[in-house]
Each structure stands twice: as C-alpha cells, then as structure tokens.
Amino acid sequence: MSIVTLVSGGLDSTIMAILAHEEKIVQFPLFIDYGQLNRDKELNACLNNFQRYGLPTPKIMRLGGYGALLSSGLTDPNKRVFEDAFLPCRNLLFLTIGAAYAYQCNANAVAIGLLDEAFSLFPDQTVDFIRDTEDLISKGLGHSIRIITPLMSFSKAEIVRIAKLKGIDGTYSCHLGTEEPCGVCVACREYIDLEV
C-alpha cells in the first residue's frame, strides 16, 4: 500500500506519518500552504521532524490565495483566532489536492490526521464527510482513491500519550504562528483542556 499523508507539522499529522513509517507503508507526504498565519512555524516543524525521524521530505503545495480570499481566524490576523476558526471547505480542499497527488504518484489512499469525531468542531471532520468525500473524489477521478483516517479512534489526550511514549516532540500547532503558543486558538485550547 502507498499513501499520500497530509502533513502540517502538528502533533496529529506527525504521529500519523511516523506510524505509517513504522508499518513500512510507502508514503508521499504533502504540506499544503493555504495562506495560514502559522505557515512558517508549521513548515519548519514539519521539515525538522521528518528529517529527524527519517521520513520522506514533504512536497509543498502553495495555495496562499485560498486563505487570502477566504479569510478566517487561521488566515487573517484581524479576525478572532478561536471564534472565527472555521475556514470553509479547508479539509475538502486538502483531500482533493491529496487525491490528485495520490493519482499522480499511483498511491492507493490519502491519509488525514482527524481525531475522534466526538471532539470535532467543524462539519468537515466527521466520518460521514470522509465517506462522502471519498465517493465524490473517486467519481471525479474515475479511479478509486481511499481516504483513511488512522487516528479517528483517538482523542487528543490519547495522541499526547502516544507522543510521550514515542518521544515525539518539536511539533507546532498554534494557529497564530507566534513564538510562544497563543493559548486561545482551537489547537492551543485542545492542550489547555487536557491540563484541566
């Protein structure tokens, strides 16, 4: 089996890629620059960890115009990073690009690091969304491409435990892209909630 792993430099996608590597799955990592505020920090963390763990160097797809046109708290410093965090069709865009790249690489699937949907905040983080998107993409390509969610049975607390067990660090998830995590974005709040 070979897969395109959608990677961001955050903990979830880093663990997903490392687990795929441990299972000896051929992977084609893909980092998508969609105009996110934290792009530089995410990309640096991604490249550093992939080198550190002997993973293939991610390809970078540059789509900065997406975030410039469709602003959210993830792409526009004038918006609220938590309350305005939803960026319409972001995961659909990622999966479509990942599937096109998988088609080009002759890969069987696209892997995305979504966690248990019980913890999802947005409509594009559910099992139904994944199933419908897989069907639509396969129809659009005239070729079956699976979408896999290897972490979807895990909570963030379980992912953090896996990271500690494996000694994984150096990831970056804060949506603001500041040197110190902001503590207010969706990604930071996931970690704060674990401390309560």
N, C-alpha and C. Protein backbone atom coordinates (compact mmCIF):
# COMPACT_ATOMS: atom_id res chain seq x y z
N MET A 1 0.84 -1.19 0.00
CA MET A 1 0.00 0.00 0.00
C MET A 1 0.88 1.24 0.00
N SER A 2 0.45 2.27 -0.71
CA SER A 2 1.14 3.55 -0.68
C SER A 2 0.09 4.64 -0.47
N ILE A 3 0.49 5.68 0.27
CA ILE A 3 -0.46 6.73 0.64
C ILE A 3 0.16 8.11 0.51
N VAL A 4 -0.69 9.09 0.30
CA VAL A 4 -0.31 10.49 0.46
C VAL A 4 -0.70 10.86 1.88
N THR A 5 0.27 11.30 2.68
CA THR A 5 -0.04 11.76 4.03
C THR A 5 -0.12 13.27 4.02
N LEU A 6 -1.25 13.80 4.45
CA LEU A 6 -1.42 15.24 4.56
C LEU A 6 -0.80 15.68 5.88
N VAL A 7 0.26 16.46 5.80
CA VAL A 7 1.04 16.79 6.99
C VAL A 7 1.11 18.29 7.20
N SER A 8 1.18 18.67 8.49
CA SER A 8 1.16 20.09 8.81
C SER A 8 2.28 20.54 9.74
N GLY A 9 2.97 19.61 10.36
CA GLY A 9 3.93 19.99 11.39
C GLY A 9 3.34 19.90 12.77
N GLY A 10 2.02 19.67 12.86
CA GLY A 10 1.36 19.50 14.14
C GLY A 10 1.51 18.08 14.65
N LEU A 11 1.08 17.87 15.87
CA LEU A 11 1.25 16.58 16.54
C LEU A 11 0.50 15.45 15.83
N ASP A 12 -0.75 15.68 15.46
CA ASP A 12 -1.57 14.61 14.87
C ASP A 12 -0.98 14.09 13.57
N SER A 13 -0.67 14.99 12.65
CA SER A 13 -0.16 14.52 11.35
C SER A 13 1.25 13.96 11.47
N THR A 14 2.03 14.47 12.41
CA THR A 14 3.38 13.93 12.61
C THR A 14 3.30 12.49 13.11
N ILE A 15 2.44 12.26 14.09
CA ILE A 15 2.26 10.89 14.60
C ILE A 15 1.73 9.99 13.49
N MET A 16 0.78 10.47 12.71
CA MET A 16 0.23 9.67 11.61
C MET A 16 1.34 9.23 10.66
N ALA A 17 2.22 10.15 10.30
CA ALA A 17 3.30 9.84 9.36
C ALA A 17 4.32 8.88 9.99
N ILE A 18 4.61 9.07 11.26
CA ILE A 18 5.56 8.18 11.93
C ILE A 18 4.98 6.76 12.04
N LEU A 19 3.70 6.65 12.37
CA LEU A 19 3.06 5.33 12.46
C LEU A 19 3.06 4.64 11.09
N ALA A 20 2.79 5.39 10.03
CA ALA A 20 2.82 4.82 8.68
C ALA A 20 4.23 4.32 8.35
N HIS A 21 5.22 5.09 8.73
CA HIS A 21 6.63 4.71 8.51
C HIS A 21 6.96 3.43 9.27
N GLU A 22 6.50 3.34 10.51
CA GLU A 22 6.76 2.14 11.32
C GLU A 22 6.10 0.90 10.73
N GLU A 23 4.97 1.12 10.04
CA GLU A 23 4.27 0.00 9.39
C GLU A 23 4.84 -0.29 8.00
N LYS A 24 5.90 0.44 7.64
CA LYS A 24 6.57 0.26 6.34
C LYS A 24 5.66 0.58 5.16
N ILE A 25 4.74 1.50 5.36
CA ILE A 25 3.86 1.96 4.29
C ILE A 25 4.59 3.03 3.49
N VAL A 26 4.60 2.89 2.19
CA VAL A 26 5.22 3.91 1.33
C VAL A 26 4.33 5.15 1.40
N GLN A 27 4.96 6.27 1.73
CA GLN A 27 4.15 7.49 1.83
C GLN A 27 4.77 8.64 1.06
N PHE A 28 3.87 9.47 0.58
CA PHE A 28 4.22 10.69 -0.15
C PHE A 28 3.66 11.85 0.66
N PRO A 29 4.45 12.41 1.60
CA PRO A 29 3.93 13.48 2.45
C PRO A 29 3.68 14.76 1.65
N LEU A 30 2.59 15.44 2.00
CA LEU A 30 2.22 16.66 1.29
C LEU A 30 1.84 17.73 2.31
N PHE A 31 2.54 18.85 2.27
CA PHE A 31 2.26 20.01 3.11
C PHE A 31 1.53 21.04 2.25
N ILE A 32 0.40 21.53 2.72
CA ILE A 32 -0.38 22.50 1.94
C ILE A 32 -0.30 23.88 2.58
N ASP A 33 0.26 24.81 1.83
CA ASP A 33 0.33 26.22 2.23
C ASP A 33 -0.93 26.87 1.67
N TYR A 34 -1.91 27.09 2.54
CA TYR A 34 -3.18 27.68 2.09
C TYR A 34 -3.31 29.14 2.54
N GLY A 35 -2.19 29.73 2.96
CA GLY A 35 -2.21 31.11 3.43
C GLY A 35 -2.39 31.21 4.93
N GLN A 36 -2.11 30.13 5.66
CA GLN A 36 -2.29 30.12 7.11
C GLN A 36 -1.26 31.02 7.80
N LEU A 37 -1.68 31.64 8.90
CA LEU A 37 -0.81 32.54 9.65
C LEU A 37 0.42 31.83 10.20
N ASN A 38 0.28 30.56 10.52
CA ASN A 38 1.37 29.83 11.15
C ASN A 38 2.21 29.03 10.15
N ARG A 39 2.12 29.34 8.89
CA ARG A 39 2.78 28.55 7.86
C ARG A 39 4.26 28.32 8.13
N ASP A 40 4.99 29.37 8.45
CA ASP A 40 6.44 29.22 8.62
C ASP A 40 6.77 28.30 9.79
N LYS A 41 6.09 28.49 10.91
CA LYS A 41 6.34 27.64 12.09
C LYS A 41 5.94 26.20 11.81
N GLU A 42 4.78 26.01 11.19
CA GLU A 42 4.31 24.67 10.86
C GLU A 42 5.29 23.96 9.91
N LEU A 43 5.67 24.67 8.87
CA LEU A 43 6.53 24.06 7.86
C LEU A 43 7.90 23.71 8.44
N ASN A 44 8.47 24.60 9.25
CA ASN A 44 9.75 24.31 9.88
C ASN A 44 9.66 23.09 10.78
N ALA A 45 8.61 23.01 11.59
CA ALA A 45 8.42 21.85 12.48
C ALA A 45 8.26 20.58 11.65
N CYS A 46 7.51 20.67 10.57
CA CYS A 46 7.27 19.53 9.70
C CYS A 46 8.58 19.03 9.09
N LEU A 47 9.33 19.93 8.48
CA LEU A 47 10.58 19.54 7.82
C LEU A 47 11.59 18.99 8.82
N ASN A 48 11.68 19.64 9.99
CA ASN A 48 12.63 19.18 11.01
C ASN A 48 12.28 17.79 11.52
N ASN A 49 11.01 17.54 11.81
CA ASN A 49 10.61 16.23 12.33
C ASN A 49 10.72 15.14 11.27
N PHE A 50 10.41 15.46 10.05
CA PHE A 50 10.52 14.44 9.00
C PHE A 50 11.98 14.05 8.79
N GLN A 51 12.87 15.02 8.88
CA GLN A 51 14.29 14.70 8.78
C GLN A 51 14.74 13.90 10.01
N ARG A 52 14.32 14.32 11.18
CA ARG A 52 14.70 13.67 12.43
C ARG A 52 14.28 12.20 12.47
N TYR A 53 13.10 11.89 11.96
CA TYR A 53 12.58 10.53 12.03
C TYR A 53 12.81 9.72 10.75
N GLY A 54 13.61 10.26 9.84
CA GLY A 54 13.95 9.53 8.62
C GLY A 54 12.77 9.33 7.68
N LEU A 55 11.87 10.30 7.68
CA LEU A 55 10.69 10.24 6.80
C LEU A 55 10.99 10.96 5.49
N PRO A 56 10.25 10.63 4.43
CA PRO A 56 10.48 11.33 3.15
C PRO A 56 10.20 12.83 3.29
N THR A 57 10.97 13.63 2.59
CA THR A 57 10.76 15.08 2.62
C THR A 57 9.41 15.42 1.99
N PRO A 58 8.57 16.17 2.72
CA PRO A 58 7.26 16.53 2.17
C PRO A 58 7.37 17.44 0.95
N LYS A 59 6.48 17.22 0.00
CA LYS A 59 6.28 18.17 -1.10
C LYS A 59 5.41 19.29 -0.56
N ILE A 60 5.56 20.47 -1.13
CA ILE A 60 4.79 21.62 -0.67
C ILE A 60 3.90 22.11 -1.80
N MET A 61 2.61 22.20 -1.53
CA MET A 61 1.64 22.75 -2.48
C MET A 61 1.31 24.16 -2.00
N ARG A 62 1.58 25.15 -2.84
CA ARG A 62 1.37 26.54 -2.45
C ARG A 62 0.04 27.06 -3.00
N LEU A 63 -0.87 27.34 -2.08
CA LEU A 63 -2.20 27.84 -2.43
C LEU A 63 -2.56 29.05 -1.56
N GLY A 64 -1.60 29.94 -1.37
CA GLY A 64 -1.80 31.08 -0.48
C GLY A 64 -3.00 31.93 -0.82
N GLY A 65 -3.40 31.95 -2.08
CA GLY A 65 -4.56 32.75 -2.48
C GLY A 65 -5.86 32.28 -1.86
N TYR A 66 -5.91 31.00 -1.49
CA TYR A 66 -7.13 30.45 -0.87
C TYR A 66 -7.43 31.19 0.44
N GLY A 67 -6.42 31.25 1.30
CA GLY A 67 -6.61 31.93 2.58
C GLY A 67 -6.71 33.44 2.45
N ALA A 68 -6.13 34.00 1.39
CA ALA A 68 -6.22 35.45 1.18
C ALA A 68 -7.64 35.85 0.77
N LEU A 69 -8.29 35.01 -0.03
CA LEU A 69 -9.65 35.31 -0.47
C LEU A 69 -10.68 34.91 0.56
N LEU A 70 -10.53 33.72 1.14
CA LEU A 70 -11.48 33.20 2.13
C LEU A 70 -10.87 33.32 3.51
N SER A 71 -11.03 34.46 4.12
CA SER A 71 -10.35 34.70 5.38
C SER A 71 -11.07 34.04 6.55
N SER A 72 -10.27 33.68 7.53
CA SER A 72 -10.78 33.15 8.80
C SER A 72 -9.75 33.50 9.86
N GLY A 73 -10.00 33.07 11.06
CA GLY A 73 -9.03 33.30 12.13
C GLY A 73 -7.72 32.58 11.90
N LEU A 74 -7.70 31.63 10.96
CA LEU A 74 -6.47 30.90 10.64
C LEU A 74 -5.60 31.64 9.64
N THR A 75 -6.22 32.59 8.89
CA THR A 75 -5.51 33.23 7.79
C THR A 75 -5.47 34.76 7.86
N ASP A 76 -6.30 35.34 8.70
CA ASP A 76 -6.43 36.80 8.76
C ASP A 76 -6.15 37.28 10.18
N PRO A 77 -5.08 38.04 10.39
CA PRO A 77 -4.74 38.50 11.75
C PRO A 77 -5.77 39.45 12.34
N ASN A 78 -6.67 39.98 11.51
CA ASN A 78 -7.71 40.88 12.01
C ASN A 78 -8.95 40.14 12.50
N LYS A 79 -8.99 38.84 12.32
CA LYS A 79 -10.13 38.04 12.79
C LYS A 79 -9.77 37.36 14.09
N ARG A 80 -10.79 36.88 14.79
CA ARG A 80 -10.57 36.20 16.07
C ARG A 80 -10.14 34.75 15.79
N VAL A 81 -9.01 34.37 16.33
CA VAL A 81 -8.41 33.08 16.00
C VAL A 81 -9.24 31.90 16.50
N PHE A 82 -10.02 32.09 17.55
CA PHE A 82 -10.84 30.99 18.04
C PHE A 82 -12.26 31.04 17.46
N GLU A 83 -12.95 32.15 17.65
CA GLU A 83 -14.35 32.26 17.22
C GLU A 83 -14.51 32.21 15.71
N ASP A 84 -13.51 32.65 14.98
CA ASP A 84 -13.59 32.68 13.51
C ASP A 84 -12.68 31.61 12.87
N ALA A 85 -12.48 30.51 13.56
CA ALA A 85 -11.51 29.50 13.10
C ALA A 85 -11.97 28.70 11.89
N PHE A 86 -13.26 28.63 11.63
CA PHE A 86 -13.73 27.81 10.51
C PHE A 86 -13.33 28.43 9.18
N LEU A 87 -12.61 27.67 8.37
CA LEU A 87 -12.26 28.08 7.01
C LEU A 87 -13.02 27.16 6.06
N PRO A 88 -14.04 27.67 5.37
CA PRO A 88 -14.93 26.83 4.57
C PRO A 88 -14.18 25.93 3.58
N CYS A 89 -14.53 24.67 3.61
CA CYS A 89 -14.03 23.65 2.68
C CYS A 89 -12.54 23.37 2.79
N ARG A 90 -11.91 23.74 3.89
CA ARG A 90 -10.47 23.52 4.04
C ARG A 90 -10.11 22.04 3.89
N ASN A 91 -10.79 21.16 4.65
CA ASN A 91 -10.45 19.74 4.56
C ASN A 91 -10.84 19.15 3.20
N LEU A 92 -11.90 19.66 2.60
CA LEU A 92 -12.27 19.21 1.26
C LEU A 92 -11.18 19.59 0.26
N LEU A 93 -10.66 20.79 0.38
CA LEU A 93 -9.55 21.23 -0.47
C LEU A 93 -8.34 20.33 -0.25
N PHE A 94 -7.98 20.09 1.01
CA PHE A 94 -6.82 19.25 1.31
C PHE A 94 -6.97 17.86 0.70
N LEU A 95 -8.14 17.28 0.88
CA LEU A 95 -8.37 15.91 0.39
C LEU A 95 -8.40 15.85 -1.13
N THR A 96 -8.94 16.87 -1.77
CA THR A 96 -8.97 16.91 -3.22
C THR A 96 -7.54 17.01 -3.78
N ILE A 97 -6.75 17.89 -3.21
CA ILE A 97 -5.36 18.03 -3.64
C ILE A 97 -4.59 16.75 -3.35
N GLY A 98 -4.80 16.20 -2.15
CA GLY A 98 -4.13 14.96 -1.79
C GLY A 98 -4.48 13.83 -2.73
N ALA A 99 -5.74 13.75 -3.13
CA ALA A 99 -6.18 12.69 -4.05
C ALA A 99 -5.58 12.89 -5.44
N ALA A 100 -5.51 14.11 -5.91
CA ALA A 100 -4.90 14.37 -7.21
C ALA A 100 -3.42 13.99 -7.18
N TYR A 101 -2.76 14.30 -6.07
CA TYR A 101 -1.34 13.93 -5.93
C TYR A 101 -1.20 12.41 -5.82
N ALA A 102 -2.12 11.77 -5.10
CA ALA A 102 -2.10 10.30 -5.00
C ALA A 102 -2.26 9.67 -6.38
N TYR A 103 -3.16 10.23 -7.16
CA TYR A 103 -3.38 9.74 -8.52
C TYR A 103 -2.08 9.82 -9.33
N GLN A 104 -1.40 10.95 -9.20
CA GLN A 104 -0.14 11.16 -9.93
C GLN A 104 0.95 10.20 -9.45
N CYS A 105 0.97 9.91 -8.15
CA CYS A 105 2.01 9.04 -7.56
C CYS A 105 1.63 7.56 -7.61
N ASN A 106 0.47 7.25 -8.16
CA ASN A 106 -0.05 5.88 -8.15
C ASN A 106 -0.22 5.35 -6.73
N ALA A 107 -0.59 6.23 -5.81
CA ALA A 107 -0.84 5.83 -4.42
C ALA A 107 -2.30 5.38 -4.30
N ASN A 108 -2.56 4.54 -3.32
CA ASN A 108 -3.89 3.98 -3.13
C ASN A 108 -4.83 4.85 -2.31
N ALA A 109 -4.24 5.73 -1.47
CA ALA A 109 -5.07 6.43 -0.50
C ALA A 109 -4.46 7.76 -0.10
N VAL A 110 -5.30 8.57 0.53
CA VAL A 110 -4.89 9.81 1.17
C VAL A 110 -5.18 9.66 2.66
N ALA A 111 -4.20 9.98 3.50
CA ALA A 111 -4.38 9.89 4.94
C ALA A 111 -4.43 11.29 5.54
N ILE A 112 -5.44 11.51 6.38
CA ILE A 112 -5.61 12.80 7.05
C ILE A 112 -5.70 12.53 8.56
N GLY A 113 -5.09 13.39 9.35
CA GLY A 113 -4.97 13.16 10.79
C GLY A 113 -6.13 13.66 11.62
N LEU A 114 -7.35 13.36 11.21
CA LEU A 114 -8.51 13.74 12.01
C LEU A 114 -8.62 12.82 13.22
N LEU A 115 -9.07 13.39 14.34
CA LEU A 115 -9.27 12.62 15.56
C LEU A 115 -10.74 12.23 15.69
N ASP A 116 -11.05 11.55 16.78
CA ASP A 116 -12.41 11.08 17.05
C ASP A 116 -13.43 12.21 16.83
N GLU A 117 -14.44 11.93 16.04
CA GLU A 117 -15.40 12.99 15.70
C GLU A 117 -16.20 13.48 16.90
N ALA A 118 -16.16 12.78 18.01
CA ALA A 118 -16.81 13.26 19.22
C ALA A 118 -16.19 14.59 19.67
N PHE A 119 -14.95 14.84 19.23
CA PHE A 119 -14.25 16.06 19.61
C PHE A 119 -14.20 17.08 18.47
N SER A 120 -14.87 16.79 17.36
CA SER A 120 -14.79 17.68 16.20
C SER A 120 -15.60 18.96 16.42
N LEU A 121 -15.12 20.03 15.83
CA LEU A 121 -15.78 21.33 15.94
C LEU A 121 -16.45 21.74 14.63
N PHE A 122 -16.03 21.13 13.53
CA PHE A 122 -16.46 21.59 12.22
C PHE A 122 -17.07 20.44 11.42
N PRO A 123 -17.93 20.76 10.45
CA PRO A 123 -18.62 19.72 9.69
C PRO A 123 -17.72 18.88 8.81
N ASP A 124 -16.52 19.35 8.53
CA ASP A 124 -15.60 18.60 7.66
C ASP A 124 -14.61 17.75 8.45
N GLN A 125 -15.05 17.29 9.63
CA GLN A 125 -14.21 16.44 10.48
C GLN A 125 -14.95 15.16 10.90
N THR A 126 -15.95 14.76 10.15
CA THR A 126 -16.78 13.62 10.55
C THR A 126 -16.61 12.42 9.62
N VAL A 127 -17.03 11.27 10.11
CA VAL A 127 -16.98 10.05 9.31
C VAL A 127 -17.84 10.20 8.05
N ASP A 128 -19.02 10.78 8.19
CA ASP A 128 -19.89 10.98 7.02
C ASP A 128 -19.22 11.86 5.97
N PHE A 129 -18.58 12.92 6.42
CA PHE A 129 -17.88 13.80 5.48
C PHE A 129 -16.78 13.02 4.74
N ILE A 130 -16.02 12.24 5.47
CA ILE A 130 -14.93 11.46 4.85
C ILE A 130 -15.50 10.47 3.84
N ARG A 131 -16.54 9.75 4.22
CA ARG A 131 -17.14 8.75 3.32
C ARG A 131 -17.67 9.42 2.04
N ASP A 132 -18.40 10.52 2.20
CA ASP A 132 -18.96 11.22 1.04
C ASP A 132 -17.85 11.80 0.15
N THR A 133 -16.81 12.34 0.76
CA THR A 133 -15.71 12.92 0.00
C THR A 133 -14.95 11.85 -0.77
N GLU A 134 -14.72 10.72 -0.14
CA GLU A 134 -14.06 9.60 -0.82
C GLU A 134 -14.85 9.18 -2.06
N ASP A 135 -16.16 9.09 -1.91
CA ASP A 135 -17.02 8.70 -3.03
C ASP A 135 -16.96 9.74 -4.15
N LEU A 136 -17.06 11.00 -3.78
CA LEU A 136 -17.03 12.09 -4.78
C LEU A 136 -15.68 12.16 -5.50
N ILE A 137 -14.59 12.07 -4.76
CA ILE A 137 -13.26 12.14 -5.37
C ILE A 137 -13.03 10.96 -6.30
N SER A 138 -13.42 9.77 -5.88
CA SER A 138 -13.25 8.59 -6.73
C SER A 138 -14.05 8.72 -8.01
N LYS A 139 -15.26 9.27 -7.91
CA LYS A 139 -16.07 9.51 -9.12
C LYS A 139 -15.41 10.55 -10.00
N GLY A 140 -14.89 11.61 -9.39
CA GLY A 140 -14.26 12.68 -10.16
C GLY A 140 -13.00 12.24 -10.87
N LEU A 141 -12.29 11.28 -10.27
CA LEU A 141 -11.06 10.78 -10.89
C LEU A 141 -11.32 9.61 -11.83
N GLY A 142 -12.49 8.98 -11.68
CA GLY A 142 -12.74 7.75 -12.43
C GLY A 142 -11.80 6.64 -11.98
N HIS A 143 -11.38 6.74 -10.74
CA HIS A 143 -10.36 5.85 -10.19
C HIS A 143 -10.54 5.85 -8.67
N SER A 144 -10.54 4.70 -8.07
CA SER A 144 -10.77 4.61 -6.63
C SER A 144 -9.55 5.09 -5.84
N ILE A 145 -9.77 6.09 -5.01
CA ILE A 145 -8.76 6.58 -4.06
C ILE A 145 -9.42 6.55 -2.69
N ARG A 146 -8.84 5.79 -1.78
CA ARG A 146 -9.40 5.72 -0.43
C ARG A 146 -8.95 6.93 0.39
N ILE A 147 -9.80 7.36 1.30
CA ILE A 147 -9.41 8.36 2.29
C ILE A 147 -9.37 7.63 3.62
N ILE A 148 -8.21 7.65 4.24
CA ILE A 148 -8.08 6.95 5.51
C ILE A 148 -7.82 7.94 6.64
N THR A 149 -8.34 7.60 7.80
CA THR A 149 -8.23 8.43 8.99
C THR A 149 -7.69 7.57 10.13
N PRO A 150 -6.40 7.26 10.10
CA PRO A 150 -5.85 6.30 11.05
C PRO A 150 -5.93 6.72 12.52
N LEU A 151 -6.20 7.99 12.79
CA LEU A 151 -6.26 8.47 14.17
C LEU A 151 -7.69 8.72 14.65
N MET A 152 -8.68 8.39 13.84
CA MET A 152 -10.05 8.78 14.15
C MET A 152 -10.65 8.06 15.36
N SER A 153 -9.99 7.05 15.85
CA SER A 153 -10.49 6.39 17.06
C SER A 153 -9.82 6.95 18.32
N PHE A 154 -8.98 7.97 18.16
CA PHE A 154 -8.23 8.54 19.29
C PHE A 154 -8.73 9.92 19.67
N SER A 155 -8.61 10.22 20.96
CA SER A 155 -8.84 11.59 21.45
C SER A 155 -7.48 12.30 21.46
N LYS A 156 -7.49 13.61 21.68
CA LYS A 156 -6.23 14.36 21.76
C LYS A 156 -5.39 13.86 22.94
N ALA A 157 -6.04 13.53 24.06
CA ALA A 157 -5.30 13.02 25.22
C ALA A 157 -4.56 11.73 24.87
N GLU A 158 -5.19 10.86 24.09
CA GLU A 158 -4.54 9.61 23.68
C GLU A 158 -3.38 9.88 22.72
N ILE A 159 -3.54 10.84 21.85
CA ILE A 159 -2.46 11.21 20.92
C ILE A 159 -1.27 11.76 21.69
N VAL A 160 -1.54 12.58 22.70
CA VAL A 160 -0.46 13.14 23.52
C VAL A 160 0.27 12.01 24.25
N ARG A 161 -0.47 11.02 24.74
CA ARG A 161 0.17 9.87 25.41
C ARG A 161 1.05 9.08 24.44
N ILE A 162 0.56 8.88 23.21
CA ILE A 162 1.37 8.17 22.20
C ILE A 162 2.66 8.96 21.93
N ALA A 163 2.54 10.27 21.79
CA ALA A 163 3.71 11.11 21.53
C ALA A 163 4.73 10.99 22.66
N LYS A 164 4.24 10.98 23.90
CA LYS A 164 5.16 10.86 25.04
C LYS A 164 5.84 9.50 25.04
N LEU A 165 5.08 8.45 24.76
CA LEU A 165 5.65 7.10 24.73
C LEU A 165 6.73 6.97 23.66
N LYS A 166 6.52 7.64 22.53
CA LYS A 166 7.46 7.54 21.42
C LYS A 166 8.53 8.63 21.44
N GLY A 167 8.43 9.54 22.40
CA GLY A 167 9.42 10.62 22.50
C GLY A 167 9.32 11.64 21.37
N ILE A 168 8.11 11.83 20.86
CA ILE A 168 7.90 12.78 19.76
C ILE A 168 7.70 14.18 20.33
N ASP A 169 8.52 15.10 19.89
CA ASP A 169 8.35 16.50 20.29
C ASP A 169 8.75 17.39 19.11
N GLY A 170 8.76 18.69 19.33
CA GLY A 170 9.16 19.61 18.27
C GLY A 170 8.09 19.86 17.23
N THR A 171 6.84 19.49 17.54
CA THR A 171 5.74 19.79 16.61
C THR A 171 5.24 21.20 16.88
N TYR A 172 4.45 21.73 15.96
CA TYR A 172 3.90 23.08 16.13
C TYR A 172 2.46 23.10 15.66
N SER A 173 1.55 23.59 16.53
CA SER A 173 0.13 23.57 16.19
C SER A 173 -0.58 24.91 16.35
N CYS A 174 -0.01 25.85 17.07
CA CYS A 174 -0.70 27.12 17.34
C CYS A 174 -1.06 27.81 16.02
N HIS A 175 -2.32 28.21 15.90
CA HIS A 175 -2.80 28.80 14.64
C HIS A 175 -2.29 30.22 14.39
N LEU A 176 -1.82 30.90 15.43
CA LEU A 176 -1.35 32.27 15.22
C LEU A 176 0.06 32.33 14.67
N GLY A 177 0.85 31.28 14.87
CA GLY A 177 2.22 31.28 14.35
C GLY A 177 3.18 32.09 15.19
N THR A 178 2.84 32.34 16.45
CA THR A 178 3.70 33.10 17.34
C THR A 178 4.79 32.19 17.92
N GLU A 179 5.84 32.82 18.43
CA GLU A 179 6.96 32.06 19.01
C GLU A 179 6.46 31.18 20.16
N GLU A 180 5.72 31.78 21.06
CA GLU A 180 5.09 31.02 22.16
C GLU A 180 3.63 30.76 21.77
N PRO A 181 3.11 29.57 22.02
CA PRO A 181 1.72 29.28 21.68
C PRO A 181 0.77 30.32 22.31
N CYS A 182 -0.23 30.73 21.54
CA CYS A 182 -1.11 31.84 21.97
C CYS A 182 -2.02 31.48 23.14
N GLY A 183 -2.41 30.20 23.24
CA GLY A 183 -3.29 29.78 24.34
C GLY A 183 -4.76 30.01 24.09
N VAL A 184 -5.13 30.62 22.96
CA VAL A 184 -6.55 30.91 22.71
C VAL A 184 -7.11 30.25 21.45
N CYS A 185 -6.25 29.81 20.53
CA CYS A 185 -6.76 29.21 19.29
C CYS A 185 -7.28 27.79 19.55
N VAL A 186 -7.94 27.21 18.58
CA VAL A 186 -8.51 25.88 18.72
C VAL A 186 -7.43 24.86 19.10
N ALA A 187 -6.30 24.91 18.41
CA ALA A 187 -5.22 23.94 18.67
C ALA A 187 -4.67 24.11 20.08
N CYS A 188 -4.43 25.33 20.51
CA CYS A 188 -3.90 25.55 21.87
C CYS A 188 -4.92 25.13 22.93
N ARG A 189 -6.17 25.42 22.69
CA ARG A 189 -7.20 25.06 23.69
C ARG A 189 -7.33 23.55 23.87
N GLU A 190 -7.03 22.78 22.82
CA GLU A 190 -7.05 21.33 22.97
C GLU A 190 -6.06 20.89 24.05
N TYR A 191 -4.91 21.52 24.07
CA TYR A 191 -3.89 21.17 25.06
C TYR A 191 -4.25 21.71 26.44
N ILE A 192 -4.81 22.93 26.49
CA ILE A 192 -5.21 23.51 27.77
C ILE A 192 -6.29 22.64 28.40
N ASP A 193 -7.24 22.18 27.61
CA ASP A 193 -8.32 21.33 28.13
C ASP A 193 -7.77 20.04 28.73
N LEU A 194 -6.64 19.56 28.23
CA LEU A 194 -6.05 18.33 28.76
C LEU A 194 -5.46 18.55 30.14
N GLU A 195 -5.08 19.79 30.44
CA GLU A 195 -4.45 20.09 31.73
C GLU A 195 -5.47 20.27 32.83
N VAL A 196 -6.73 20.49 32.49
CA VAL A 196 -7.78 20.75 33.50
C VAL A 196 -8.16 19.46 34.21
